[in-house]
Amino acid sequence: MVLTGKDAGRKGKVLRVMPREQRVVIEGVNRVKRHQRPSRTIPQGGIFQIENPLDLSNVMLVCDKCDDPVRVGITVLENGEKVRFCRKCGEIID
């Protein structure tokens, strides 16, 4: 879920995470128009809408159980596996 900006409150699927730049691309959010000249790969050319990356600080994970944006914690299960969990309700997030 996007917390701030023109798309605040919108939810979408994460397409790409760029940890080095601390950015994330979300499907259908922060769309901009890109003018593309005709080339061999795109013979038609034209105006395309693409998703621009958002800063990680403006995005939160949505818990399936709470259906709210939540902070995420990490815990270790009995079998030694590390998992993420919702800090609000305690539900394990896959």
N, C-alpha and C. Protein backbone atom coordinates (compact mmCIF):
# COMPACT_ATOMS: atom_id res chain seq x y z
N MET A 1 0.84 -1.17 0.00
CA MET A 1 0.00 0.00 0.00
C MET A 1 0.89 1.24 0.00
N VAL A 2 0.51 2.22 -0.80
CA VAL A 2 1.25 3.47 -0.89
C VAL A 2 0.75 4.40 0.21
N LEU A 3 1.66 4.99 0.97
CA LEU A 3 1.29 5.83 2.11
C LEU A 3 1.20 7.31 1.77
N THR A 4 2.05 7.79 0.87
CA THR A 4 2.09 9.22 0.57
C THR A 4 2.14 9.46 -0.92
N GLY A 5 1.91 10.69 -1.30
CA GLY A 5 2.01 11.08 -2.71
C GLY A 5 0.67 11.07 -3.41
N LYS A 6 0.70 11.20 -4.72
CA LYS A 6 -0.53 11.29 -5.51
C LYS A 6 -1.31 9.98 -5.51
N ASP A 7 -0.65 8.85 -5.26
CA ASP A 7 -1.31 7.54 -5.25
C ASP A 7 -1.51 7.01 -3.83
N ALA A 8 -1.60 7.88 -2.84
CA ALA A 8 -1.74 7.45 -1.46
C ALA A 8 -3.02 6.64 -1.28
N GLY A 9 -2.90 5.52 -0.57
CA GLY A 9 -4.04 4.65 -0.31
C GLY A 9 -4.25 3.56 -1.34
N ARG A 10 -3.52 3.59 -2.44
CA ARG A 10 -3.69 2.58 -3.49
C ARG A 10 -2.86 1.35 -3.15
N LYS A 11 -3.40 0.19 -3.52
CA LYS A 11 -2.71 -1.08 -3.29
C LYS A 11 -2.34 -1.68 -4.64
N GLY A 12 -1.26 -2.45 -4.65
CA GLY A 12 -0.83 -3.10 -5.88
C GLY A 12 0.20 -4.17 -5.59
N LYS A 13 0.47 -4.95 -6.62
CA LYS A 13 1.44 -6.04 -6.53
C LYS A 13 2.84 -5.49 -6.80
N VAL A 14 3.80 -5.91 -6.00
CA VAL A 14 5.19 -5.47 -6.17
C VAL A 14 5.78 -6.19 -7.38
N LEU A 15 6.23 -5.40 -8.36
CA LEU A 15 6.82 -5.97 -9.57
C LEU A 15 8.33 -6.14 -9.45
N ARG A 16 8.99 -5.16 -8.81
CA ARG A 16 10.45 -5.18 -8.73
C ARG A 16 10.91 -4.40 -7.50
N VAL A 17 11.93 -4.92 -6.83
CA VAL A 17 12.53 -4.24 -5.68
C VAL A 17 13.98 -3.96 -6.02
N MET A 18 14.40 -2.72 -5.78
CA MET A 18 15.78 -2.31 -6.02
C MET A 18 16.39 -1.91 -4.68
N PRO A 19 16.96 -2.89 -3.93
CA PRO A 19 17.46 -2.60 -2.59
C PRO A 19 18.61 -1.61 -2.55
N ARG A 20 19.45 -1.60 -3.53
CA ARG A 20 20.59 -0.68 -3.54
C ARG A 20 20.13 0.77 -3.63
N GLU A 21 19.11 1.03 -4.44
CA GLU A 21 18.57 2.38 -4.58
C GLU A 21 17.45 2.65 -3.58
N GLN A 22 17.02 1.66 -2.83
CA GLN A 22 15.91 1.71 -1.89
C GLN A 22 14.64 2.19 -2.59
N ARG A 23 14.32 1.54 -3.70
CA ARG A 23 13.14 1.87 -4.50
C ARG A 23 12.36 0.59 -4.76
N VAL A 24 11.08 0.75 -5.11
CA VAL A 24 10.21 -0.38 -5.41
C VAL A 24 9.25 0.04 -6.52
N VAL A 25 8.94 -0.90 -7.44
CA VAL A 25 8.00 -0.66 -8.52
C VAL A 25 6.75 -1.46 -8.21
N ILE A 26 5.59 -0.78 -8.20
CA ILE A 26 4.32 -1.41 -7.87
C ILE A 26 3.41 -1.31 -9.08
N GLU A 27 2.72 -2.41 -9.37
CA GLU A 27 1.85 -2.51 -10.54
C GLU A 27 0.69 -1.52 -10.45
N GLY A 28 0.54 -0.67 -11.48
CA GLY A 28 -0.56 0.27 -11.57
C GLY A 28 -0.43 1.51 -10.71
N VAL A 29 0.72 1.72 -10.06
CA VAL A 29 0.91 2.86 -9.17
C VAL A 29 2.06 3.71 -9.70
N ASN A 30 1.94 5.04 -9.58
CA ASN A 30 2.96 5.99 -10.01
C ASN A 30 3.25 5.85 -11.51
N ARG A 31 2.18 5.80 -12.30
CA ARG A 31 2.32 5.66 -13.76
C ARG A 31 2.65 7.01 -14.39
N VAL A 32 3.57 6.99 -15.36
CA VAL A 32 3.96 8.18 -16.10
C VAL A 32 3.92 7.85 -17.58
N LYS A 33 3.78 8.90 -18.40
CA LYS A 33 3.76 8.70 -19.85
C LYS A 33 5.17 8.81 -20.38
N ARG A 34 5.52 7.87 -21.23
CA ARG A 34 6.86 7.80 -21.83
C ARG A 34 6.71 7.89 -23.34
N HIS A 35 7.34 8.88 -23.96
CA HIS A 35 7.29 9.03 -25.41
C HIS A 35 8.42 8.19 -26.00
N GLN A 36 8.06 7.28 -26.89
CA GLN A 36 9.05 6.36 -27.47
C GLN A 36 9.10 6.57 -28.98
N ARG A 37 10.28 6.83 -29.46
CA ARG A 37 10.51 6.99 -30.88
C ARG A 37 10.49 5.61 -31.55
N PRO A 38 10.04 5.49 -32.80
CA PRO A 38 10.09 4.17 -33.45
C PRO A 38 11.51 3.64 -33.55
N SER A 39 11.67 2.34 -33.28
CA SER A 39 12.97 1.70 -33.36
C SER A 39 12.77 0.27 -33.85
N ARG A 40 13.83 -0.51 -33.91
CA ARG A 40 13.70 -1.90 -34.36
C ARG A 40 12.88 -2.73 -33.38
N THR A 41 13.08 -2.48 -32.08
CA THR A 41 12.33 -3.25 -31.08
C THR A 41 10.88 -2.80 -30.98
N ILE A 42 10.64 -1.49 -31.15
CA ILE A 42 9.28 -0.94 -31.11
C ILE A 42 9.05 -0.18 -32.42
N PRO A 43 8.65 -0.89 -33.50
CA PRO A 43 8.54 -0.24 -34.80
C PRO A 43 7.45 0.82 -34.86
N GLN A 44 6.41 0.69 -34.05
CA GLN A 44 5.30 1.64 -34.08
C GLN A 44 5.64 2.94 -33.35
N GLY A 45 6.36 2.83 -32.23
CA GLY A 45 6.63 4.01 -31.42
C GLY A 45 5.35 4.43 -30.70
N GLY A 46 5.32 5.64 -30.16
CA GLY A 46 4.10 6.15 -29.54
C GLY A 46 4.33 6.57 -28.10
N ILE A 47 3.20 6.74 -27.40
CA ILE A 47 3.21 7.15 -26.00
C ILE A 47 2.78 5.97 -25.14
N PHE A 48 3.63 5.56 -24.21
CA PHE A 48 3.37 4.41 -23.36
C PHE A 48 3.26 4.88 -21.91
N GLN A 49 2.46 4.17 -21.13
CA GLN A 49 2.40 4.45 -19.70
C GLN A 49 3.18 3.36 -18.98
N ILE A 50 4.15 3.79 -18.16
CA ILE A 50 4.96 2.84 -17.41
C ILE A 50 4.91 3.20 -15.93
N GLU A 51 5.26 2.24 -15.07
CA GLU A 51 5.32 2.48 -13.64
C GLU A 51 6.71 2.98 -13.27
N ASN A 52 6.76 4.08 -12.57
CA ASN A 52 8.02 4.61 -12.06
C ASN A 52 8.26 4.06 -10.66
N PRO A 53 9.52 3.92 -10.25
CA PRO A 53 9.79 3.43 -8.90
C PRO A 53 9.39 4.44 -7.82
N LEU A 54 8.99 3.90 -6.66
CA LEU A 54 8.68 4.69 -5.48
C LEU A 54 9.75 4.44 -4.43
N ASP A 55 9.90 5.37 -3.50
CA ASP A 55 10.83 5.16 -2.40
C ASP A 55 10.23 4.14 -1.43
N LEU A 56 11.08 3.29 -0.86
CA LEU A 56 10.62 2.25 0.05
C LEU A 56 9.94 2.82 1.29
N SER A 57 10.33 4.03 1.71
CA SER A 57 9.75 4.61 2.91
C SER A 57 8.29 5.02 2.71
N ASN A 58 7.83 5.12 1.47
CA ASN A 58 6.46 5.52 1.18
C ASN A 58 5.53 4.33 0.97
N VAL A 59 6.01 3.11 1.24
CA VAL A 59 5.24 1.91 0.97
C VAL A 59 5.25 1.01 2.20
N MET A 60 4.11 0.36 2.48
CA MET A 60 4.03 -0.61 3.57
C MET A 60 3.36 -1.88 3.08
N LEU A 61 3.71 -2.98 3.71
CA LEU A 61 3.11 -4.27 3.41
C LEU A 61 1.72 -4.34 4.01
N VAL A 62 0.78 -4.97 3.30
CA VAL A 62 -0.59 -5.13 3.79
C VAL A 62 -0.76 -6.55 4.29
N CYS A 63 -1.20 -6.70 5.54
CA CYS A 63 -1.44 -8.01 6.15
C CYS A 63 -2.75 -8.57 5.60
N ASP A 64 -2.76 -9.88 5.27
CA ASP A 64 -3.97 -10.51 4.75
C ASP A 64 -5.07 -10.58 5.80
N LYS A 65 -4.70 -10.82 7.04
CA LYS A 65 -5.68 -10.96 8.11
C LYS A 65 -6.23 -9.61 8.55
N CYS A 66 -5.34 -8.66 8.81
CA CYS A 66 -5.75 -7.32 9.27
C CYS A 66 -6.35 -6.48 8.14
N ASP A 67 -5.86 -6.68 6.92
CA ASP A 67 -6.19 -5.87 5.75
C ASP A 67 -5.82 -4.41 5.96
N ASP A 68 -4.74 -4.18 6.71
CA ASP A 68 -4.21 -2.85 6.98
C ASP A 68 -2.71 -2.84 6.70
N PRO A 69 -2.14 -1.66 6.41
CA PRO A 69 -0.68 -1.59 6.30
C PRO A 69 -0.06 -1.80 7.68
N VAL A 70 0.94 -2.68 7.74
CA VAL A 70 1.52 -3.05 9.03
C VAL A 70 3.04 -3.06 8.96
N ARG A 71 3.65 -2.97 10.15
CA ARG A 71 5.09 -3.19 10.26
C ARG A 71 5.33 -4.68 10.33
N VAL A 72 6.49 -5.11 9.88
CA VAL A 72 6.80 -6.53 9.80
C VAL A 72 7.96 -6.85 10.73
N GLY A 73 7.83 -7.97 11.45
CA GLY A 73 8.91 -8.46 12.30
C GLY A 73 9.41 -9.79 11.77
N ILE A 74 10.56 -10.22 12.26
CA ILE A 74 11.13 -11.51 11.85
C ILE A 74 11.30 -12.36 13.09
N THR A 75 10.87 -13.62 12.98
CA THR A 75 11.01 -14.54 14.10
C THR A 75 11.55 -15.87 13.58
N VAL A 76 12.08 -16.68 14.47
CA VAL A 76 12.62 -17.99 14.11
C VAL A 76 11.68 -19.06 14.68
N LEU A 77 11.25 -19.96 13.82
CA LEU A 77 10.37 -21.05 14.25
C LEU A 77 11.18 -22.15 14.92
N GLU A 78 10.46 -23.17 15.45
CA GLU A 78 11.14 -24.27 16.14
C GLU A 78 12.08 -25.05 15.23
N ASN A 79 11.73 -25.14 13.94
CA ASN A 79 12.56 -25.89 13.01
C ASN A 79 13.75 -25.06 12.49
N GLY A 80 13.94 -23.84 12.99
CA GLY A 80 15.07 -23.02 12.60
C GLY A 80 14.81 -22.13 11.40
N GLU A 81 13.60 -22.12 10.89
CA GLU A 81 13.27 -21.33 9.71
C GLU A 81 12.90 -19.90 10.13
N LYS A 82 13.43 -18.90 9.43
CA LYS A 82 13.10 -17.51 9.69
C LYS A 82 11.86 -17.14 8.88
N VAL A 83 10.90 -16.49 9.53
CA VAL A 83 9.67 -16.06 8.85
C VAL A 83 9.33 -14.64 9.26
N ARG A 84 8.58 -13.95 8.39
CA ARG A 84 8.08 -12.61 8.70
C ARG A 84 6.71 -12.73 9.37
N PHE A 85 6.41 -11.81 10.27
CA PHE A 85 5.08 -11.83 10.90
C PHE A 85 4.57 -10.39 11.05
N CYS A 86 3.25 -10.28 11.14
CA CYS A 86 2.57 -9.00 11.31
C CYS A 86 2.72 -8.55 12.75
N ARG A 87 3.18 -7.33 12.97
CA ARG A 87 3.35 -6.82 14.33
C ARG A 87 2.02 -6.47 14.98
N LYS A 88 0.97 -6.30 14.17
CA LYS A 88 -0.33 -5.91 14.72
C LYS A 88 -1.11 -7.12 15.24
N CYS A 89 -1.19 -8.20 14.43
CA CYS A 89 -2.02 -9.35 14.82
C CYS A 89 -1.19 -10.61 15.08
N GLY A 90 0.09 -10.64 14.69
CA GLY A 90 0.93 -11.80 14.94
C GLY A 90 0.86 -12.87 13.87
N GLU A 91 0.09 -12.65 12.81
CA GLU A 91 -0.07 -13.62 11.72
C GLU A 91 1.24 -13.75 10.94
N ILE A 92 1.59 -14.98 10.56
CA ILE A 92 2.80 -15.22 9.76
C ILE A 92 2.52 -14.83 8.30
N ILE A 93 3.44 -14.06 7.73
CA ILE A 93 3.30 -13.60 6.34
C ILE A 93 4.24 -14.42 5.48
N ASP A 94 3.71 -14.99 4.41
CA ASP A 94 4.54 -15.83 3.52
C ASP A 94 5.34 -14.99 2.57
